[in-house]
Amino acid sequence: MNAASGHGHGHGHGHGHGSGGLSRLRHLGKPHSHDAADRVDAALEASSAGLRALWISLGVLAVTALSQGVVVALSGSVALLSDTLHNLADALTAVPVGIAFLLGRRPATRRFTYGFGRAEDIAGVVVVLVIAGSAVAALVESLRRLADPAPMSHLPAVAVAALAGCAGNEIAAQVRIRTGRRIGSAALVADGLHARTDAVTSLAVLLSAGGAALGWRWADPVAGLLIAAAIAVVTWSAAKQVFARLMDAVDPELIELAHGELAGMAQVRRVDRVRLRWIGHTLHAEVEIAVRPTLPFAAAHRIAHEAEHLLCERVPRFSGATVHVHPDNAHAAA
């Protein structure tokens, strides 16, 4: 085997390499600083979009909770109280997610060599815990009021507040979920699902107002129990998504996509391994590909760059790869 065929490791995106040995040597010794800048710019753009979505939804939910709080003081509705407290908690979950986006902008260090993108996963855990806590609070308060029913007043105002809560939460949910999916943030999507649940629970408040109009005192605490059940369902859904991300779960279709793109490269004989993992809201890959044993080292290095560049073009939200190129000894032996 040609000694120059060694192992190549990708650390760039494989832009133009020029011609001749001098150009190849210059390429080997010079990192692609502009490629790194492109990835940093993309990460900053994603975190800025996430922060913008958080601020918009925070403002909408704050106004919603404030208006509902006024009606709670007038009506004494326990269902509306639960919904108001939950809306307030939902607004406050923007704080850990926002901190995570800001931390994700920090560059990698000698200790945190992959950067701080995983802060979003920690924020996702905090969001899940807040959702679960609000479910428990709604359950306890509803059971207490069910044991000791109390009359509800200002029913038209309660109905309007319920509709306002539904609209405000759905707006917040749309903003968070769409942005979270676009930038690949599991924490932001989980936060959006939380807001969407609040939209449904606000409709339960509307039912409690209708029941109270018919003289059913039990309708208000029963609506509170329905709210607690709805929150529990979304807690489970959000928890599965967040903890899957913590365990480095990725969509198998992304693995198949990356594998197929690499296998289609002209000088790649075999794709031995493709690993993808989320770091914040971007994907990083570890790839092993086999090439012919007599391929020169410079050519193997160039293939590594081209492989990373190909993945950056074809795989959504891809940020970079470590590409290991090794000789196809099985073919050599044959």
Foldseek 3Di string as FASTA:
>chain_A
DPPQLAKAKADAQQDDQDDDPVSLVVPVVDHPVVLQVVLLVLLLVLLVLLLVLLVVLLVLLVVLLVLLVVLCVVWVQLLSVLLSVLSNLLNVLSVQQNVQSVQQSDAADPVRNVGRLCSLLVSLVVLLVSLLVSLVVLLVSLVVCLVPFDATPPLVSQLVSLQSLLVSLLVSLVSQLVSCVQLQRLSSNLSSLSSNLSSVLSVLSNQLSVCSVVVNRNSRSVSSNVSSVSSVVSSVVSVVSSVCLVVFDDDVVLVVQLLVQLCPDDFFPHWDDWGWHDRNRAIEIETETEGASPDGNSVNNSSNSNSFNSCVVGHPRYNTYIYIYYYPVVVVVD
